[in-house]
Amino acid sequence: MNPIYYLTMLEKVKRYKWFLIAIALIIFLLWIAFNINVDAARNRLEFKKQTDQQQQEIKKLKDENEKLKIPKATPPKKVTPKVQTPKITAKASKTFTVTGYSQSAEEGTADGITASGKLVAYGVCAADTNYYPFGTKFNIPGYGICTVWDTGSAIKGNRIDAFFPTRQEAFAWGTKTINVEIL
């Protein structure tokens, strides 16, 4: 080839040098941006796949949980006490340690349901069901008549836990050793 051709080409390159550098820089920046965008898209797709898999696992566990769920027991309906109480005659009398309790998490009665499934209310008491089965009635002086519908881990032998509507009333009652009629 002709050496003049090379010289003219060299002159053209010198003349357009900054233009060519700018084009090369633009191409380089586009290449970087494209690679970053591709990597970001790949990461988003992988994250979405992982999230979808986790959501499917959660749904599967929820479905299995639903199959294993035991239906909740419905609390018994509230029974309003009769205004007139029948006359009950005493069968026996015994000395008991009587304490007060109320509906609270600390005492294990936060849900308001007794060991027998009945709702706690004034007139409900806890006793040792090995000696006094559910339904046994006591006449506690200063409290009144109560029925055994509950148990307690500390209620063994001749101990009775009488229910009070508020914690303050239960604390005010405290612990008393008194003669109680078994009805």
N, C-alpha and C. Protein backbone atom coordinates (compact mmCIF):
# COMPACT_ATOMS: atom_id res chain seq x y z
N MET A 1 0.80 -1.18 0.00
CA MET A 1 0.00 0.00 0.00
C MET A 1 0.85 1.25 0.00
N ASN A 2 0.20 2.29 -0.28
CA ASN A 2 0.87 3.57 -0.47
C ASN A 2 1.14 4.21 0.90
N PRO A 3 2.41 4.65 1.15
CA PRO A 3 2.72 5.28 2.42
C PRO A 3 1.96 6.57 2.66
N ILE A 4 1.55 7.25 1.62
CA ILE A 4 0.78 8.49 1.77
C ILE A 4 -0.59 8.17 2.39
N TYR A 5 -1.10 7.02 2.02
CA TYR A 5 -2.39 6.59 2.56
C TYR A 5 -2.29 6.49 4.10
N TYR A 6 -1.19 5.89 4.57
CA TYR A 6 -0.99 5.76 6.01
C TYR A 6 -0.84 7.11 6.68
N LEU A 7 -0.15 8.02 6.03
CA LEU A 7 0.04 9.35 6.59
C LEU A 7 -1.30 10.08 6.69
N THR A 8 -2.11 9.97 5.67
CA THR A 8 -3.42 10.63 5.73
C THR A 8 -4.31 10.01 6.80
N MET A 9 -4.19 8.70 6.95
CA MET A 9 -4.97 8.04 8.00
C MET A 9 -4.50 8.49 9.38
N LEU A 10 -3.19 8.64 9.53
CA LEU A 10 -2.63 9.10 10.79
C LEU A 10 -3.10 10.51 11.10
N GLU A 11 -3.17 11.37 10.07
CA GLU A 11 -3.65 12.74 10.25
C GLU A 11 -5.12 12.73 10.68
N LYS A 12 -5.90 11.84 10.07
CA LYS A 12 -7.33 11.76 10.44
C LYS A 12 -7.49 11.30 11.89
N VAL A 13 -6.66 10.34 12.32
CA VAL A 13 -6.74 9.85 13.69
C VAL A 13 -6.37 10.96 14.65
N LYS A 14 -5.33 11.74 14.34
CA LYS A 14 -4.94 12.85 15.20
C LYS A 14 -6.06 13.88 15.30
N ARG A 15 -6.67 14.15 14.15
CA ARG A 15 -7.72 15.14 14.13
C ARG A 15 -8.94 14.70 14.96
N TYR A 16 -9.30 13.44 14.93
CA TYR A 16 -10.49 12.93 15.61
C TYR A 16 -10.15 12.18 16.91
N LYS A 17 -8.95 12.42 17.42
CA LYS A 17 -8.48 11.70 18.60
C LYS A 17 -9.45 11.86 19.77
N TRP A 18 -9.87 13.04 20.13
CA TRP A 18 -10.76 13.26 21.29
C TRP A 18 -12.15 12.67 21.06
N PHE A 19 -12.57 12.73 19.84
CA PHE A 19 -13.86 12.13 19.49
C PHE A 19 -13.80 10.62 19.69
N LEU A 20 -12.72 9.99 19.24
CA LEU A 20 -12.57 8.54 19.37
C LEU A 20 -12.42 8.13 20.85
N ILE A 21 -11.72 8.95 21.61
CA ILE A 21 -11.58 8.67 23.04
C ILE A 21 -12.95 8.74 23.72
N ALA A 22 -13.74 9.73 23.38
CA ALA A 22 -15.08 9.89 23.95
C ALA A 22 -15.96 8.70 23.59
N ILE A 23 -15.90 8.25 22.35
CA ILE A 23 -16.70 7.09 21.90
C ILE A 23 -16.26 5.85 22.69
N ALA A 24 -14.94 5.66 22.85
CA ALA A 24 -14.43 4.50 23.58
C ALA A 24 -14.89 4.56 25.04
N LEU A 25 -14.86 5.74 25.62
CA LEU A 25 -15.31 5.90 27.00
C LEU A 25 -16.80 5.58 27.14
N ILE A 26 -17.61 6.05 26.21
CA ILE A 26 -19.05 5.77 26.23
C ILE A 26 -19.30 4.28 26.11
N ILE A 27 -18.60 3.63 25.20
CA ILE A 27 -18.76 2.18 25.02
C ILE A 27 -18.36 1.46 26.31
N PHE A 28 -17.27 1.88 26.93
CA PHE A 28 -16.81 1.28 28.18
C PHE A 28 -17.86 1.45 29.29
N LEU A 29 -18.39 2.66 29.42
CA LEU A 29 -19.40 2.91 30.46
C LEU A 29 -20.67 2.10 30.22
N LEU A 30 -21.09 1.99 28.97
CA LEU A 30 -22.26 1.17 28.64
C LEU A 30 -22.02 -0.29 28.99
N TRP A 31 -20.82 -0.75 28.70
CA TRP A 31 -20.48 -2.14 29.00
C TRP A 31 -20.55 -2.40 30.51
N ILE A 32 -20.00 -1.46 31.32
CA ILE A 32 -20.05 -1.60 32.78
C ILE A 32 -21.51 -1.58 33.26
N ALA A 33 -22.27 -0.62 32.77
CA ALA A 33 -23.67 -0.51 33.20
C ALA A 33 -24.45 -1.75 32.81
N PHE A 34 -24.23 -2.26 31.64
CA PHE A 34 -24.94 -3.44 31.18
C PHE A 34 -24.60 -4.64 32.07
N ASN A 35 -23.32 -4.82 32.38
CA ASN A 35 -22.93 -5.93 33.24
C ASN A 35 -23.53 -5.80 34.63
N ILE A 36 -23.56 -4.58 35.18
CA ILE A 36 -24.14 -4.36 36.50
C ILE A 36 -25.63 -4.66 36.46
N ASN A 37 -26.31 -4.19 35.43
CA ASN A 37 -27.75 -4.44 35.30
C ASN A 37 -28.04 -5.93 35.16
N VAL A 38 -27.21 -6.64 34.44
CA VAL A 38 -27.41 -8.08 34.25
C VAL A 38 -27.22 -8.79 35.59
N ASP A 39 -26.17 -8.41 36.33
CA ASP A 39 -25.93 -9.03 37.63
C ASP A 39 -27.07 -8.72 38.61
N ALA A 40 -27.53 -7.49 38.59
CA ALA A 40 -28.63 -7.11 39.49
C ALA A 40 -29.89 -7.89 39.13
N ALA A 41 -30.15 -8.04 37.85
CA ALA A 41 -31.34 -8.80 37.42
C ALA A 41 -31.22 -10.25 37.86
N ARG A 42 -30.03 -10.83 37.69
CA ARG A 42 -29.81 -12.22 38.14
C ARG A 42 -30.06 -12.33 39.64
N ASN A 43 -29.54 -11.38 40.41
CA ASN A 43 -29.72 -11.41 41.86
C ASN A 43 -31.20 -11.29 42.24
N ARG A 44 -31.92 -10.40 41.55
CA ARG A 44 -33.36 -10.25 41.82
C ARG A 44 -34.11 -11.54 41.52
N LEU A 45 -33.76 -12.20 40.41
CA LEU A 45 -34.43 -13.45 40.06
C LEU A 45 -34.14 -14.54 41.10
N GLU A 46 -32.89 -14.64 41.53
CA GLU A 46 -32.55 -15.63 42.54
C GLU A 46 -33.27 -15.34 43.85
N PHE A 47 -33.34 -14.08 44.25
CA PHE A 47 -34.04 -13.70 45.48
C PHE A 47 -35.52 -14.03 45.37
N LYS A 48 -36.11 -13.74 44.21
CA LYS A 48 -37.54 -14.04 44.01
C LYS A 48 -37.79 -15.55 44.09
N LYS A 49 -36.90 -16.34 43.49
CA LYS A 49 -37.04 -17.79 43.56
C LYS A 49 -36.98 -18.27 45.00
N GLN A 50 -36.01 -17.75 45.76
CA GLN A 50 -35.88 -18.15 47.15
C GLN A 50 -37.11 -17.74 47.95
N THR A 51 -37.60 -16.52 47.72
CA THR A 51 -38.78 -16.04 48.42
C THR A 51 -40.00 -16.91 48.08
N ASP A 52 -40.16 -17.22 46.80
CA ASP A 52 -41.28 -18.08 46.39
C ASP A 52 -41.19 -19.45 47.05
N GLN A 53 -39.98 -20.02 47.09
CA GLN A 53 -39.81 -21.32 47.73
C GLN A 53 -40.15 -21.25 49.21
N GLN A 54 -39.72 -20.19 49.88
CA GLN A 54 -40.01 -20.03 51.30
C GLN A 54 -41.51 -19.87 51.52
N GLN A 55 -42.17 -19.11 50.67
CA GLN A 55 -43.61 -18.93 50.81
C GLN A 55 -44.35 -20.24 50.58
N GLN A 56 -43.87 -21.05 49.63
CA GLN A 56 -44.49 -22.36 49.39
C GLN A 56 -44.29 -23.27 50.60
N GLU A 57 -43.10 -23.23 51.21
CA GLU A 57 -42.85 -24.04 52.39
C GLU A 57 -43.74 -23.60 53.54
N ILE A 58 -43.90 -22.28 53.71
CA ILE A 58 -44.76 -21.76 54.78
C ILE A 58 -46.20 -22.20 54.56
N LYS A 59 -46.66 -22.12 53.32
CA LYS A 59 -48.03 -22.53 53.00
C LYS A 59 -48.21 -24.01 53.28
N LYS A 60 -47.21 -24.81 52.91
CA LYS A 60 -47.28 -26.24 53.13
C LYS A 60 -47.35 -26.54 54.63
N LEU A 61 -46.53 -25.84 55.42
CA LEU A 61 -46.55 -26.04 56.88
C LEU A 61 -47.89 -25.61 57.48
N LYS A 62 -48.44 -24.49 56.97
CA LYS A 62 -49.75 -24.04 57.47
C LYS A 62 -50.83 -25.06 57.15
N ASP A 63 -50.78 -25.63 55.92
CA ASP A 63 -51.75 -26.65 55.55
C ASP A 63 -51.64 -27.87 56.45
N GLU A 64 -50.39 -28.29 56.73
CA GLU A 64 -50.19 -29.43 57.62
C GLU A 64 -50.69 -29.10 59.02
N ASN A 65 -50.45 -27.87 59.45
CA ASN A 65 -50.92 -27.43 60.77
C ASN A 65 -52.44 -27.47 60.84
N GLU A 66 -53.09 -27.02 59.76
CA GLU A 66 -54.56 -27.01 59.73
C GLU A 66 -55.10 -28.44 59.86
N LYS A 67 -54.41 -29.40 59.23
CA LYS A 67 -54.86 -30.79 59.31
C LYS A 67 -54.72 -31.32 60.73
N LEU A 68 -53.67 -30.86 61.43
CA LEU A 68 -53.40 -31.36 62.78
C LEU A 68 -54.15 -30.61 63.86
N LYS A 69 -54.77 -29.48 63.52
CA LYS A 69 -55.42 -28.64 64.53
C LYS A 69 -56.55 -29.40 65.22
N ILE A 70 -56.54 -29.26 66.52
CA ILE A 70 -57.62 -29.83 67.33
C ILE A 70 -58.60 -28.70 67.61
N PRO A 71 -59.87 -28.93 67.36
CA PRO A 71 -60.82 -27.83 67.59
C PRO A 71 -60.82 -27.42 69.06
N LYS A 72 -60.94 -26.11 69.27
CA LYS A 72 -60.95 -25.59 70.63
C LYS A 72 -62.28 -25.92 71.30
N ALA A 73 -62.17 -26.23 72.57
CA ALA A 73 -63.37 -26.49 73.34
C ALA A 73 -64.09 -25.18 73.60
N THR A 74 -65.38 -25.21 73.41
CA THR A 74 -66.15 -24.00 73.67
C THR A 74 -66.49 -23.96 75.15
N PRO A 75 -66.31 -22.81 75.76
CA PRO A 75 -66.61 -22.72 77.19
C PRO A 75 -68.11 -22.93 77.42
N PRO A 76 -68.45 -23.50 78.55
CA PRO A 76 -69.87 -23.72 78.82
C PRO A 76 -70.61 -22.39 78.94
N LYS A 77 -71.88 -22.45 78.64
CA LYS A 77 -72.70 -21.24 78.72
C LYS A 77 -72.82 -20.80 80.17
N LYS A 78 -72.89 -19.47 80.34
CA LYS A 78 -73.04 -18.93 81.69
C LYS A 78 -74.43 -19.26 82.21
N VAL A 79 -74.43 -19.74 83.41
CA VAL A 79 -75.70 -20.06 84.05
C VAL A 79 -75.94 -19.00 85.13
N THR A 80 -77.08 -18.36 85.03
CA THR A 80 -77.39 -17.35 86.05
C THR A 80 -77.93 -18.07 87.28
N PRO A 81 -77.41 -17.75 88.44
CA PRO A 81 -77.86 -18.44 89.65
C PRO A 81 -79.31 -18.06 89.98
N LYS A 82 -79.99 -19.01 90.55
CA LYS A 82 -81.37 -18.76 90.96
C LYS A 82 -81.37 -17.84 92.17
N VAL A 83 -82.40 -17.04 92.27
CA VAL A 83 -82.50 -16.09 93.37
C VAL A 83 -82.70 -16.84 94.69
N GLN A 84 -83.54 -17.85 94.66
CA GLN A 84 -83.80 -18.61 95.87
C GLN A 84 -82.86 -19.81 95.89
N THR A 85 -82.10 -19.94 96.95
CA THR A 85 -81.21 -21.09 97.07
C THR A 85 -81.89 -22.14 97.94
N PRO A 86 -81.80 -23.38 97.51
CA PRO A 86 -82.45 -24.42 98.30
C PRO A 86 -81.73 -24.60 99.64
N LYS A 87 -82.46 -25.09 100.60
CA LYS A 87 -81.88 -25.31 101.91
C LYS A 87 -81.06 -26.58 101.86
N ILE A 88 -79.78 -26.44 102.20
CA ILE A 88 -78.89 -27.59 102.18
C ILE A 88 -78.50 -27.91 103.61
N THR A 89 -78.60 -29.17 103.94
CA THR A 89 -78.23 -29.56 105.29
C THR A 89 -76.81 -30.10 105.27
N ALA A 90 -76.08 -29.86 106.33
CA ALA A 90 -74.69 -30.27 106.40
C ALA A 90 -74.57 -31.76 106.61
N LYS A 91 -73.61 -32.38 105.91
CA LYS A 91 -73.33 -33.80 106.08
C LYS A 91 -72.26 -34.00 107.14
N ALA A 92 -71.21 -33.17 107.04
CA ALA A 92 -70.10 -33.30 107.99
C ALA A 92 -69.42 -31.96 108.12
N SER A 93 -68.55 -31.88 109.10
CA SER A 93 -67.80 -30.65 109.31
C SER A 93 -66.35 -31.03 109.54
N LYS A 94 -65.43 -30.23 108.96
CA LYS A 94 -64.01 -30.56 109.04
C LYS A 94 -63.20 -29.28 109.03
N THR A 95 -61.99 -29.34 109.59
CA THR A 95 -61.11 -28.17 109.58
C THR A 95 -60.31 -28.17 108.28
N PHE A 96 -60.36 -27.04 107.57
CA PHE A 96 -59.66 -26.87 106.29
C PHE A 96 -58.79 -25.62 106.34
N THR A 97 -57.75 -25.62 105.53
CA THR A 97 -56.99 -24.40 105.27
C THR A 97 -57.58 -23.81 104.00
N VAL A 98 -58.21 -22.65 104.11
CA VAL A 98 -58.90 -22.03 102.97
C VAL A 98 -58.12 -20.81 102.52
N THR A 99 -57.78 -20.78 101.23
CA THR A 99 -57.09 -19.63 100.63
C THR A 99 -57.97 -19.07 99.53
N GLY A 100 -57.69 -17.84 99.12
CA GLY A 100 -58.45 -17.20 98.04
C GLY A 100 -57.63 -17.17 96.76
N TYR A 101 -58.31 -17.30 95.62
CA TYR A 101 -57.64 -17.13 94.34
C TYR A 101 -58.54 -16.36 93.40
N SER A 102 -57.93 -15.83 92.32
CA SER A 102 -58.70 -15.03 91.35
C SER A 102 -58.26 -15.41 89.95
N GLN A 103 -58.90 -14.82 88.97
CA GLN A 103 -58.58 -15.11 87.57
C GLN A 103 -57.36 -14.30 87.16
N SER A 104 -56.21 -14.98 87.06
CA SER A 104 -54.97 -14.31 86.66
C SER A 104 -53.99 -15.32 86.10
N ALA A 105 -53.05 -14.81 85.29
CA ALA A 105 -52.04 -15.68 84.69
C ALA A 105 -51.14 -16.27 85.77
N GLU A 106 -50.85 -15.50 86.82
CA GLU A 106 -49.98 -15.96 87.89
C GLU A 106 -50.56 -17.18 88.60
N GLU A 107 -51.88 -17.27 88.62
CA GLU A 107 -52.52 -18.37 89.33
C GLU A 107 -52.99 -19.47 88.38
N GLY A 108 -52.67 -19.34 87.09
CA GLY A 108 -53.03 -20.38 86.12
C GLY A 108 -54.47 -20.34 85.68
N THR A 109 -55.19 -19.26 85.93
CA THR A 109 -56.61 -19.18 85.56
C THR A 109 -56.88 -18.01 84.62
N ALA A 110 -55.89 -17.64 83.84
CA ALA A 110 -56.04 -16.48 82.95
C ALA A 110 -57.16 -16.68 81.95
N ASP A 111 -57.37 -17.93 81.51
CA ASP A 111 -58.42 -18.17 80.51
C ASP A 111 -59.81 -18.23 81.13
N GLY A 112 -59.88 -18.33 82.46
CA GLY A 112 -61.18 -18.32 83.13
C GLY A 112 -61.90 -19.65 83.10
N ILE A 113 -61.19 -20.71 82.76
CA ILE A 113 -61.82 -22.03 82.68
C ILE A 113 -61.20 -22.93 83.75
N THR A 114 -62.03 -23.62 84.51
CA THR A 114 -61.55 -24.48 85.59
C THR A 114 -61.10 -25.83 85.04
N ALA A 115 -60.54 -26.66 85.92
CA ALA A 115 -60.08 -27.99 85.53
C ALA A 115 -61.25 -28.85 85.05
N SER A 116 -62.46 -28.56 85.52
CA SER A 116 -63.63 -29.33 85.09
C SER A 116 -64.23 -28.81 83.80
N GLY A 117 -63.72 -27.66 83.31
CA GLY A 117 -64.24 -27.08 82.07
C GLY A 117 -65.26 -25.98 82.30
N LYS A 118 -65.60 -25.74 83.54
CA LYS A 118 -66.57 -24.68 83.85
C LYS A 118 -65.85 -23.34 83.96
N LEU A 119 -66.61 -22.26 83.82
CA LEU A 119 -66.05 -20.92 83.97
C LEU A 119 -65.90 -20.59 85.44
N VAL A 120 -64.82 -19.86 85.76
CA VAL A 120 -64.63 -19.44 87.15
C VAL A 120 -65.64 -18.36 87.49
N ALA A 121 -66.14 -18.42 88.71
CA ALA A 121 -67.12 -17.44 89.19
C ALA A 121 -67.15 -17.55 90.71
N TYR A 122 -67.73 -16.53 91.34
CA TYR A 122 -67.87 -16.58 92.79
C TYR A 122 -68.70 -17.81 93.12
N GLY A 123 -68.25 -18.61 94.09
CA GLY A 123 -68.95 -19.84 94.45
C GLY A 123 -68.26 -21.07 93.89
N VAL A 124 -67.18 -20.88 93.12
CA VAL A 124 -66.37 -21.99 92.61
C VAL A 124 -65.17 -22.12 93.52
N CYS A 125 -64.79 -23.35 93.84
CA CYS A 125 -63.59 -23.54 94.64
C CYS A 125 -62.79 -24.71 94.10
N ALA A 126 -61.52 -24.76 94.49
CA ALA A 126 -60.63 -25.84 94.11
C ALA A 126 -60.36 -26.68 95.34
N ALA A 127 -60.36 -28.01 95.15
CA ALA A 127 -60.08 -28.93 96.25
C ALA A 127 -59.38 -30.15 95.68
N ASP A 128 -58.90 -31.00 96.56
CA ASP A 128 -58.24 -32.25 96.16
C ASP A 128 -59.32 -33.22 95.71
N THR A 129 -59.39 -33.48 94.40
CA THR A 129 -60.46 -34.33 93.85
C THR A 129 -60.27 -35.81 94.20
N ASN A 130 -59.15 -36.16 94.82
CA ASN A 130 -59.01 -37.54 95.32
C ASN A 130 -59.92 -37.77 96.52
N TYR A 131 -60.23 -36.70 97.26
CA TYR A 131 -61.10 -36.78 98.43
C TYR A 131 -62.46 -36.13 98.20
N TYR A 132 -62.48 -35.05 97.41
CA TYR A 132 -63.71 -34.28 97.19
C TYR A 132 -63.92 -34.13 95.69
N PRO A 133 -64.72 -34.99 95.06
CA PRO A 133 -64.89 -34.95 93.60
C PRO A 133 -65.61 -33.68 93.14
N PHE A 134 -65.52 -33.42 91.83
CA PHE A 134 -66.22 -32.26 91.26
C PHE A 134 -67.69 -32.34 91.64
N GLY A 135 -68.23 -31.20 92.02
CA GLY A 135 -69.64 -31.13 92.41
C GLY A 135 -69.85 -31.13 93.92
N THR A 136 -68.80 -31.45 94.69
CA THR A 136 -68.90 -31.42 96.15
C THR A 136 -69.11 -29.98 96.60
N LYS A 137 -70.01 -29.79 97.56
CA LYS A 137 -70.32 -28.45 98.04
C LYS A 137 -69.78 -28.28 99.45
N PHE A 138 -69.28 -27.06 99.70
CA PHE A 138 -68.78 -26.68 101.03
C PHE A 138 -69.49 -25.41 101.46
N ASN A 139 -69.70 -25.28 102.77
CA ASN A 139 -70.20 -24.03 103.33
C ASN A 139 -69.04 -23.44 104.14
N ILE A 140 -68.42 -22.40 103.58
CA ILE A 140 -67.25 -21.79 104.19
C ILE A 140 -67.71 -20.54 104.94
N PRO A 141 -67.48 -20.50 106.27
CA PRO A 141 -67.87 -19.31 107.04
C PRO A 141 -67.14 -18.06 106.52
N GLY A 142 -67.90 -17.00 106.30
CA GLY A 142 -67.34 -15.75 105.81
C GLY A 142 -67.26 -15.70 104.28
N TYR A 143 -67.51 -16.81 103.61
CA TYR A 143 -67.49 -16.85 102.15
C TYR A 143 -68.86 -17.26 101.61
N GLY A 144 -69.39 -18.34 102.14
CA GLY A 144 -70.66 -18.86 101.67
C GLY A 144 -70.49 -20.26 101.10
N ILE A 145 -71.45 -20.65 100.29
CA ILE A 145 -71.43 -21.99 99.71
C ILE A 145 -70.61 -21.96 98.42
N CYS A 146 -69.73 -22.95 98.29
CA CYS A 146 -68.96 -23.08 97.05
C CYS A 146 -68.98 -24.53 96.60
N THR A 147 -68.79 -24.71 95.31
CA THR A 147 -68.80 -26.05 94.71
C THR A 147 -67.43 -26.33 94.12
N VAL A 148 -66.95 -27.54 94.29
CA VAL A 148 -65.64 -27.94 93.76
C VAL A 148 -65.77 -28.14 92.25
N TRP A 149 -65.16 -27.24 91.50
CA TRP A 149 -65.10 -27.36 90.03
C TRP A 149 -63.68 -27.16 89.53
N ASP A 150 -62.72 -27.05 90.48
CA ASP A 150 -61.35 -26.77 90.07
C ASP A 150 -60.39 -27.57 90.93
N THR A 151 -59.16 -27.67 90.46
CA THR A 151 -58.08 -28.31 91.21
C THR A 151 -56.91 -27.34 91.23
N GLY A 152 -55.88 -27.69 91.94
CA GLY A 152 -54.69 -26.86 91.98
C GLY A 152 -53.50 -27.70 92.38
N SER A 153 -52.32 -27.33 91.91
CA SER A 153 -51.13 -28.14 92.21
C SER A 153 -50.81 -28.13 93.70
N ALA A 154 -51.15 -27.04 94.39
CA ALA A 154 -50.86 -26.95 95.83
C ALA A 154 -52.06 -27.36 96.68
N ILE A 155 -53.16 -27.71 96.05
CA ILE A 155 -54.38 -28.05 96.79
C ILE A 155 -54.41 -29.56 97.02
N LYS A 156 -53.91 -29.97 98.16
CA LYS A 156 -53.84 -31.39 98.52
C LYS A 156 -54.46 -31.57 99.90
N GLY A 157 -55.18 -32.67 100.05
CA GLY A 157 -55.76 -33.00 101.35
C GLY A 157 -56.84 -32.01 101.76
N ASN A 158 -56.74 -31.49 102.98
CA ASN A 158 -57.76 -30.60 103.52
C ASN A 158 -57.43 -29.14 103.24
N ARG A 159 -57.28 -28.82 101.97
CA ARG A 159 -57.06 -27.43 101.53
C ARG A 159 -58.15 -27.08 100.53
N ILE A 160 -58.63 -25.87 100.60
CA ILE A 160 -59.64 -25.37 99.65
C ILE A 160 -59.14 -24.02 99.15
N ASP A 161 -59.31 -23.80 97.87
CA ASP A 161 -58.99 -22.52 97.24
C ASP A 161 -60.32 -21.92 96.77
N ALA A 162 -60.79 -20.87 97.40
CA ALA A 162 -62.08 -20.25 97.05
C ALA A 162 -61.86 -19.11 96.05
N PHE A 163 -62.68 -19.08 95.01
CA PHE A 163 -62.53 -18.06 93.97
C PHE A 163 -63.13 -16.73 94.41
N PHE A 164 -62.39 -15.65 94.10
CA PHE A 164 -62.85 -14.28 94.32
C PHE A 164 -62.77 -13.53 92.99
N PRO A 165 -63.71 -12.62 92.71
CA PRO A 165 -63.72 -11.91 91.43
C PRO A 165 -62.48 -11.05 91.18
N THR A 166 -61.86 -10.51 92.24
CA THR A 166 -60.69 -9.67 92.04
C THR A 166 -59.52 -10.21 92.86
N ARG A 167 -58.35 -9.86 92.44
CA ARG A 167 -57.14 -10.30 93.12
C ARG A 167 -57.05 -9.66 94.52
N GLN A 168 -57.52 -8.42 94.63
CA GLN A 168 -57.49 -7.72 95.92
C GLN A 168 -58.36 -8.46 96.95
N GLU A 169 -59.52 -8.92 96.50
CA GLU A 169 -60.40 -9.65 97.42
C GLU A 169 -59.76 -10.97 97.86
N ALA A 170 -59.08 -11.62 96.90
CA ALA A 170 -58.41 -12.89 97.22
C ALA A 170 -57.29 -12.65 98.22
N PHE A 171 -56.52 -11.57 98.01
CA PHE A 171 -55.44 -11.25 98.95
C PHE A 171 -56.01 -10.84 100.31
N ALA A 172 -57.12 -10.13 100.29
CA ALA A 172 -57.74 -9.70 101.55
C ALA A 172 -58.21 -10.92 102.35
N TRP A 173 -58.71 -11.94 101.67
CA TRP A 173 -59.13 -13.18 102.34
C TRP A 173 -57.92 -13.86 102.96
N GLY A 174 -56.82 -13.91 102.18
CA GLY A 174 -55.58 -14.51 102.68
C GLY A 174 -55.71 -16.01 102.86
N THR A 175 -55.15 -16.52 103.94
CA THR A 175 -55.20 -17.94 104.27
C THR A 175 -55.83 -18.07 105.65
N LYS A 176 -56.86 -18.91 105.74
CA LYS A 176 -57.55 -19.10 107.01
C LYS A 176 -57.71 -20.58 107.28
N THR A 177 -57.47 -20.97 108.50
CA THR A 177 -57.73 -22.34 108.92
C THR A 177 -59.04 -22.29 109.72
N ILE A 178 -60.10 -22.83 109.08
CA ILE A 178 -61.43 -22.73 109.69
C ILE A 178 -62.19 -24.04 109.55
N ASN A 179 -63.26 -24.14 110.33
CA ASN A 179 -64.13 -25.31 110.29
C ASN A 179 -65.14 -25.14 109.16
N VAL A 180 -65.12 -26.04 108.19
CA VAL A 180 -65.96 -25.95 106.99
C VAL A 180 -66.95 -27.10 106.96
N GLU A 181 -68.18 -26.79 106.59
CA GLU A 181 -69.20 -27.84 106.48
C GLU A 181 -69.14 -28.44 105.09
N ILE A 182 -69.14 -29.76 105.04
CA ILE A 182 -69.21 -30.49 103.76
C ILE A 182 -70.66 -30.80 103.52
N LEU A 183 -71.22 -30.31 102.45
CA LEU A 183 -72.65 -30.47 102.20
C LEU A 183 -72.93 -31.62 101.25
